[in-house]
């Protein structure tokens, strides 16, 4: 499942995100969602979230 629909993402979910600094390389960071930062229902590049670690990025993949 990709991370373009806000309704698919909840706090506590394990996801892979791309950080702003990794957008060119495409490196993914795995973690657990703490907060959902995107207000709209959909976003073509992925819903922006904050992980428990404090990292902020757009969801590319939902892991669980």
PDB file of N, CA and C in Angstrom:
ATOM      1  N   UNK A   1       0.845  -1.183   0.000  1.00  0.00           N
ATOM      2  CA  UNK A   1       0.000   0.000   0.000  1.00  0.00           C
ATOM      3  C   UNK A   1       0.892   1.247   0.000  1.00  0.00           C
ATOM      4  N   UNK A   2       0.569   2.188  -0.846  1.00  0.00           N
ATOM      5  CA  UNK A   2       1.346   3.428  -0.839  1.00  0.00           C
ATOM      6  C   UNK A   2       0.729   4.404   0.165  1.00  0.00           C
ATOM      7  N   UNK A   3       1.401   5.498   0.418  1.00  0.00           N
ATOM      8  CA  UNK A   3       0.965   6.416   1.462  1.00  0.00           C
ATOM      9  C   UNK A   3       0.308   7.671   0.960  1.00  0.00           C
ATOM     10  N   UNK A   4      -0.483   7.572  -0.123  1.00  0.00           N
ATOM     11  CA  UNK A   4      -1.077   8.789  -0.689  1.00  0.00           C
ATOM     12  C   UNK A   4      -2.437   9.136  -0.091  1.00  0.00           C
ATOM     13  N   UNK A   5      -3.085   8.199   0.628  1.00  0.00           N
ATOM     14  CA  UNK A   5      -4.403   8.466   1.222  1.00  0.00           C
ATOM     15  C   UNK A   5      -4.281   8.591   2.738  1.00  0.00           C
ATOM     16  N   UNK A   6      -4.745   9.727   3.263  1.00  0.00           N
ATOM     17  CA  UNK A   6      -4.635  10.004   4.700  1.00  0.00           C
ATOM     18  C   UNK A   6      -5.407   8.984   5.532  1.00  0.00           C
ATOM     19  N   UNK A   7      -6.524   8.488   4.996  1.00  0.00           N
ATOM     20  CA  UNK A   7      -7.368   7.543   5.744  1.00  0.00           C
ATOM     21  C   UNK A   7      -6.671   6.205   5.994  1.00  0.00           C
ATOM     22  N   UNK A   8      -5.606   5.900   5.228  1.00  0.00           N
ATOM     23  CA  UNK A   8      -4.871   4.645   5.405  1.00  0.00           C
ATOM     24  C   UNK A   8      -3.825   4.727   6.509  1.00  0.00           C
ATOM     25  N   UNK A   9      -3.557   5.928   7.026  1.00  0.00           N
ATOM     26  CA  UNK A   9      -2.437   6.140   7.949  1.00  0.00           C
ATOM     27  C   UNK A   9      -2.960   6.546   9.317  1.00  0.00           C
ATOM     28  N   UNK A  10      -2.453   5.868  10.350  1.00  0.00           N
ATOM     29  CA  UNK A  10      -2.838   6.155  11.733  1.00  0.00           C
ATOM     30  C   UNK A  10      -1.591   6.184  12.597  1.00  0.00           C
ATOM     31  N   UNK A  11      -1.624   6.933  13.707  1.00  0.00           N
ATOM     32  CA  UNK A  11      -0.504   6.874  14.652  1.00  0.00           C
ATOM     33  C   UNK A  11      -0.297   5.435  15.122  1.00  0.00           C
ATOM     34  N   UNK A  12       0.959   5.026  15.247  1.00  0.00           N
ATOM     35  CA  UNK A  12       1.287   3.672  15.665  1.00  0.00           C
ATOM     36  C   UNK A  12       1.575   2.733  14.506  1.00  0.00           C
ATOM     37  N   UNK A  13       1.322   3.184  13.280  1.00  0.00           N
ATOM     38  CA  UNK A  13       1.539   2.363  12.090  1.00  0.00           C
ATOM     39  C   UNK A  13       3.016   2.397  11.697  1.00  0.00           C
ATOM     40  N   UNK A  14       3.567   1.235  11.295  1.00  0.00           N
ATOM     41  CA  UNK A  14       4.948   1.197  10.791  1.00  0.00           C
ATOM     42  C   UNK A  14       4.952   1.555   9.318  1.00  0.00           C
ATOM     43  N   UNK A  15       5.804   2.518   8.953  1.00  0.00           N
ATOM     44  CA  UNK A  15       5.855   3.006   7.571  1.00  0.00           C
ATOM     45  C   UNK A  15       7.302   3.230   7.137  1.00  0.00           C
ATOM     46  N   UNK A  16       7.486   3.353   5.825  1.00  0.00           N
ATOM     47  CA  UNK A  16       8.747   3.834   5.245  1.00  0.00           C
ATOM     48  C   UNK A  16       8.477   5.227   4.706  1.00  0.00           C
ATOM     49  N   UNK A  17       9.335   6.174   5.072  1.00  0.00           N
ATOM     50  CA  UNK A  17       9.174   7.547   4.588  1.00  0.00           C
ATOM     51  C   UNK A  17      10.431   7.972   3.845  1.00  0.00           C
ATOM     52  N   UNK A  18      10.284   8.989   3.012  1.00  0.00           N
ATOM     53  CA  UNK A  18      11.445   9.628   2.390  1.00  0.00           C
ATOM     54  C   UNK A  18      11.596  11.001   3.045  1.00  0.00           C
ATOM     55  N   UNK A  19      12.783  11.242   3.602  1.00  0.00           N
ATOM     56  CA  UNK A  19      13.078  12.524   4.233  1.00  0.00           C
ATOM     57  C   UNK A  19      13.343  13.562   3.158  1.00  0.00           C
ATOM     58  N   UNK A  20      13.188  14.837   3.499  1.00  0.00           N
ATOM     59  CA  UNK A  20      13.422  15.930   2.545  1.00  0.00           C
ATOM     60  C   UNK A  20      14.827  15.823   1.939  1.00  0.00           C
ATOM     61  N   UNK A  21      15.824  15.550   2.779  1.00  0.00           N
ATOM     62  CA  UNK A  21      17.211  15.481   2.299  1.00  0.00           C
ATOM     63  C   UNK A  21      17.467  14.264   1.419  1.00  0.00           C
ATOM     64  N   UNK A  22      16.588  13.255   1.480  1.00  0.00           N
ATOM     65  CA  UNK A  22      16.764  12.020   0.707  1.00  0.00           C
ATOM     66  C   UNK A  22      15.876  11.960  -0.533  1.00  0.00           C
ATOM     67  N   UNK A  23      15.163  13.041  -0.858  1.00  0.00           N
ATOM     68  CA  UNK A  23      14.231  12.993  -1.980  1.00  0.00           C
ATOM     69  C   UNK A  23      14.932  12.703  -3.307  1.00  0.00           C
ATOM     70  N   UNK A  24      16.134  13.223  -3.504  1.00  0.00           N
ATOM     71  CA  UNK A  24      16.869  12.961  -4.749  1.00  0.00           C
ATOM     72  C   UNK A  24      17.351  11.518  -4.812  1.00  0.00           C
ATOM     73  N   UNK A  25      17.900  11.011  -3.699  1.00  0.00           N
ATOM     74  CA  UNK A  25      18.463   9.655  -3.687  1.00  0.00           C
ATOM     75  C   UNK A  25      17.383   8.592  -3.545  1.00  0.00           C
ATOM     76  N   UNK A  26      16.256   8.948  -2.916  1.00  0.00           N
ATOM     77  CA  UNK A  26      15.176   7.987  -2.715  1.00  0.00           C
ATOM     78  C   UNK A  26      15.383   7.068  -1.524  1.00  0.00           C
ATOM     79  N   UNK A  27      16.384   7.364  -0.662  1.00  0.00           N
ATOM     80  CA  UNK A  27      16.605   6.546   0.532  1.00  0.00           C
ATOM     81  C   UNK A  27      15.383   6.593   1.432  1.00  0.00           C
ATOM     82  N   UNK A  28      14.963   5.433   1.935  1.00  0.00           N
ATOM     83  CA  UNK A  28      13.787   5.363   2.801  1.00  0.00           C
ATOM     84  C   UNK A  28      14.211   5.190   4.247  1.00  0.00           C
ATOM     85  N   UNK A  29      13.416   5.760   5.149  1.00  0.00           N
ATOM     86  CA  UNK A  29      13.625   5.635   6.586  1.00  0.00           C
ATOM     87  C   UNK A  29      12.400   4.943   7.165  1.00  0.00           C
ATOM     88  N   UNK A  30      12.614   3.875   7.936  1.00  0.00           N
ATOM     89  CA  UNK A  30      11.491   3.160   8.546  1.00  0.00           C
ATOM     90  C   UNK A  30      11.253   3.673   9.952  1.00  0.00           C
ATOM     91  N   UNK A  31       9.982   3.653  10.371  1.00  0.00           N
ATOM     92  CA  UNK A  31       9.655   4.068  11.718  1.00  0.00           C
ATOM     93  C   UNK A  31       8.172   3.964  11.980  1.00  0.00           C
ATOM     94  N   UNK A  32       7.784   4.400  13.170  1.00  0.00           N
ATOM     95  CA  UNK A  32       6.395   4.349  13.611  1.00  0.00           C
ATOM     96  C   UNK A  32       5.814   5.757  13.600  1.00  0.00           C
ATOM     97  N   UNK A  33       4.621   5.910  13.017  1.00  0.00           N
ATOM     98  CA  UNK A  33       3.974   7.219  12.902  1.00  0.00           C
ATOM     99  C   UNK A  33       3.599   7.744  14.288  1.00  0.00           C
ATOM    100  N   UNK A  34       3.992   8.989  14.556  1.00  0.00           N
ATOM    101  CA  UNK A  34       3.587   9.674  15.783  1.00  0.00           C
ATOM    102  C   UNK A  34       2.468  10.666  15.480  1.00  0.00           C
ATOM    103  N   UNK A  35       2.676  11.520  14.453  1.00  0.00           N
ATOM    104  CA  UNK A  35       1.694  12.541  14.075  1.00  0.00           C
ATOM    105  C   UNK A  35       1.524  12.554  12.560  1.00  0.00           C
ATOM    106  N   UNK A  36       0.305  12.878  12.109  1.00  0.00           N
ATOM    107  CA  UNK A  36       0.036  13.085  10.687  1.00  0.00           C
ATOM    108  C   UNK A  36       0.024  14.592  10.449  1.00  0.00           C
ATOM    109  N   UNK A  37       0.870  15.061   9.543  1.00  0.00           N
ATOM    110  CA  UNK A  37       1.036  16.506   9.337  1.00  0.00           C
ATOM    111  C   UNK A  37       0.267  17.042   8.138  1.00  0.00           C
ATOM    112  N   UNK A  38      -0.105  16.177   7.196  1.00  0.00           N
ATOM    113  CA  UNK A  38      -0.873  16.610   6.023  1.00  0.00           C
ATOM    114  C   UNK A  38      -2.352  16.687   6.390  1.00  0.00           C
ATOM    115  N   UNK A  39      -3.004  17.803   6.052  1.00  0.00           N
ATOM    116  CA  UNK A  39      -4.424  17.967   6.381  1.00  0.00           C
ATOM    117  C   UNK A  39      -5.354  17.448   5.295  1.00  0.00           C
ATOM    118  N   UNK A  40      -4.899  17.455   4.039  1.00  0.00           N
ATOM    119  CA  UNK A  40      -5.783  17.036   2.945  1.00  0.00           C
ATOM    120  C   UNK A  40      -5.962  15.514   2.942  1.00  0.00           C
ATOM    121  N   UNK A  41      -7.038  15.043   2.326  1.00  0.00           N
ATOM    122  CA  UNK A  41      -7.366  13.616   2.298  1.00  0.00           C
ATOM    123  C   UNK A  41      -6.387  12.812   1.450  1.00  0.00           C
ATOM    124  N   UNK A  42      -5.843  13.438   0.407  1.00  0.00           N
ATOM    125  CA  UNK A  42      -4.897  12.765  -0.493  1.00  0.00           C
ATOM    126  C   UNK A  42      -3.731  13.685  -0.788  1.00  0.00           C
ATOM    127  N   UNK A  43      -2.574  13.078  -1.087  1.00  0.00           N
ATOM    128  CA  UNK A  43      -1.432  13.854  -1.570  1.00  0.00           C
ATOM    129  C   UNK A  43      -0.649  12.967  -2.529  1.00  0.00           C
ATOM    130  N   UNK A  44      -0.405  13.449  -3.755  1.00  0.00           N
ATOM    131  CA  UNK A  44       0.229  12.594  -4.767  1.00  0.00           C
ATOM    132  C   UNK A  44       1.640  12.128  -4.406  1.00  0.00           C
ATOM    133  N   UNK A  45       2.365  12.865  -3.564  1.00  0.00           N
ATOM    134  CA  UNK A  45       3.736  12.486  -3.200  1.00  0.00           C
ATOM    135  C   UNK A  45       3.799  11.744  -1.874  1.00  0.00           C
ATOM    136  N   UNK A  46       2.653  11.539  -1.233  1.00  0.00           N
ATOM    137  CA  UNK A  46       2.623  10.846   0.055  1.00  0.00           C
ATOM    138  C   UNK A  46       2.221  11.784   1.171  1.00  0.00           C
ATOM    139  N   UNK A  47       1.565  11.221   2.169  1.00  0.00           N
ATOM    140  CA  UNK A  47       1.121  11.994   3.335  1.00  0.00           C
ATOM    141  C   UNK A  47       2.339  12.296   4.212  1.00  0.00           C
ATOM    142  N   UNK A  48       2.469  13.547   4.636  1.00  0.00           N
ATOM    143  CA  UNK A  48       3.602  13.932   5.483  1.00  0.00           C
ATOM    144  C   UNK A  48       3.313  13.547   6.928  1.00  0.00           C
ATOM    145  N   UNK A  49       4.282  12.859   7.558  1.00  0.00           N
ATOM    146  CA  UNK A  49       4.124  12.405   8.937  1.00  0.00           C
ATOM    147  C   UNK A  49       5.380  12.706   9.745  1.00  0.00           C
ATOM    148  N   UNK A  50       5.214  12.694  11.068  1.00  0.00           N
ATOM    149  CA  UNK A  50       6.345  12.746  12.001  1.00  0.00           C
ATOM    150  C   UNK A  50       6.445  11.372  12.638  1.00  0.00           C
ATOM    151  N   UNK A  51       7.634  10.794  12.640  1.00  0.00           N
ATOM    152  CA  UNK A  51       7.845   9.494  13.263  1.00  0.00           C
ATOM    153  C   UNK A  51       8.139   9.662  14.747  1.00  0.00           C
ATOM    154  N   UNK A  52       8.081   8.552  15.497  1.00  0.00           N
ATOM    155  CA  UNK A  52       8.414   8.559  16.930  1.00  0.00           C
ATOM    156  C   UNK A  52       9.826   9.108  17.155  1.00  0.00           C
ATOM    157  N   UNK A  53      10.719   8.876  16.171  1.00  0.00           N
ATOM    158  CA  UNK A  53      12.111   9.324  16.265  1.00  0.00           C
ATOM    159  C   UNK A  53      12.257  10.835  16.063  1.00  0.00           C
ATOM    160  N   UNK A  54      11.181  11.488  15.575  1.00  0.00           N
ATOM    161  CA  UNK A  54      11.226  12.920  15.309  1.00  0.00           C
ATOM    162  C   UNK A  54      11.464  13.246  13.843  1.00  0.00           C
ATOM    163  N   UNK A  55      11.815  12.225  13.038  1.00  0.00           N
ATOM    164  CA  UNK A  55      12.019  12.447  11.601  1.00  0.00           C
ATOM    165  C   UNK A  55      10.695  12.795  10.937  1.00  0.00           C
ATOM    166  N   UNK A  56      10.747  13.711   9.964  1.00  0.00           N
ATOM    167  CA  UNK A  56       9.559  14.128   9.221  1.00  0.00           C
ATOM    168  C   UNK A  56       9.784  13.845   7.736  1.00  0.00           C
ATOM    169  N   UNK A  57       8.789  13.219   7.117  1.00  0.00           N
ATOM    170  CA  UNK A  57       8.898  12.935   5.699  1.00  0.00           C
ATOM    171  C   UNK A  57       7.562  12.458   5.148  1.00  0.00           C
ATOM    172  N   UNK A  58       7.574  12.107   3.864  1.00  0.00           N
ATOM    173  CA  UNK A  58       6.351  11.652   3.188  1.00  0.00           C
ATOM    174  C   UNK A  58       6.330  10.130   3.117  1.00  0.00           C
ATOM    175  N   UNK A  59       5.166   9.557   3.417  1.00  0.00           N
ATOM    176  CA  UNK A  59       5.019   8.100   3.434  1.00  0.00           C
ATOM    177  C   UNK A  59       5.108   7.550   2.013  1.00  0.00           C
ATOM    178  N   UNK A  60       6.006   6.587   1.819  1.00  0.00           N
ATOM    179  CA  UNK A  60       6.141   5.911   0.530  1.00  0.00           C
ATOM    180  C   UNK A  60       5.590   4.508   0.585  1.00  0.00           C
ATOM    181  N   UNK A  61       5.551   3.916   1.783  1.00  0.00           N
ATOM    182  CA  UNK A  61       5.116   2.531   1.916  1.00  0.00           C
ATOM    183  C   UNK A  61       4.563   2.308   3.323  1.00  0.00           C
ATOM    184  N   UNK A  62       3.469   1.555   3.408  1.00  0.00           N
ATOM    185  CA  UNK A  62       2.905   1.172   4.705  1.00  0.00           C
ATOM    186  C   UNK A  62       3.346  -0.261   4.961  1.00  0.00           C
ATOM    187  N   UNK A  63       3.978  -0.508   6.117  1.00  0.00           N
ATOM    188  CA  UNK A  63       4.612  -1.796   6.368  1.00  0.00           C
ATOM    189  C   UNK A  63       3.733  -2.806   7.105  1.00  0.00           C
ATOM    190  N   UNK A  64       2.744  -2.359   7.946  1.00  0.00           N
ATOM    191  CA  UNK A  64       1.895  -3.372   8.587  1.00  0.00           C
ATOM    192  C   UNK A  64       0.457  -3.230   8.250  1.00  0.00           C
TER     193      UNK A  64
END
